[in-house]
Amino acid sequence: MANLFDSANAPVGVPETVFVGDFIQFKIVNSDYSNSLFTMKFVGRISTGGNTEIAITATASGSDYLFSVPSATSSNFTVGDYHYQLEIERNSDNERIVIDRGQITVSTDYDNNVDPRLHAEIMLGKIESMLEGKADSDVSSYSIAGRSLTKLTPEELRDWRDYYRREVNAIKNKEKIAHGRQVNTTILARF
């Protein structure tokens, strides 16, 4: 594995996922806009519609644009999915053009004592707990100001459990494939 702290080994392209607290570095190769005449910027906004934004200005690295974020800065990133755009700004008059758009995920750092489970895994655990009759009382039923909320029927719980099991299995299979491991799926075909 190459030393990813060395800018010569920086991956090309915007990564799909970055981690809170990590040193982040990537390059954009673009021969149409000389980095001596133009400035490239990465601007990401959280998908939940809030004001959380990540803004990074690239530096010149040979003829490429190098984006670097120190660990101290990324440790303040908010976990979530972001929509981003790459912008080119002409240095002579500050005119701007958006040249690319996409999505990036800022993922949690497990060193921060957070629950590493995905939403689907958390929901699956809660639903299975309810099916076993071990649900927390505040989850199964409560009443406020004359209004009450009661738990789902067993059939509805089983349907949701099956839904979240499929989602968890799909996520785990995707991770296995990404790491070159065999997945436990059965492909049925009729001839």
Foldseek 3Di string as FASTA:
>chain_A
DDDCVDLVPAAEDDDQEDEQLDKHKYKHQDPVDFQVFKKKKKWKDAPVPDPQIDIWTFDDDPRITMTIDHSVRSNPHDFGKIKMWMKIAGPVPRDIDTDDIDMHGYDYDVVVVDDRDDPLVVLLVQLVCVLVVNHDPVVAKDDDPRDIDHHDDPVVSVVSNVVSVVVVLVVVVVVCVVVVHDHPDDDDDDD
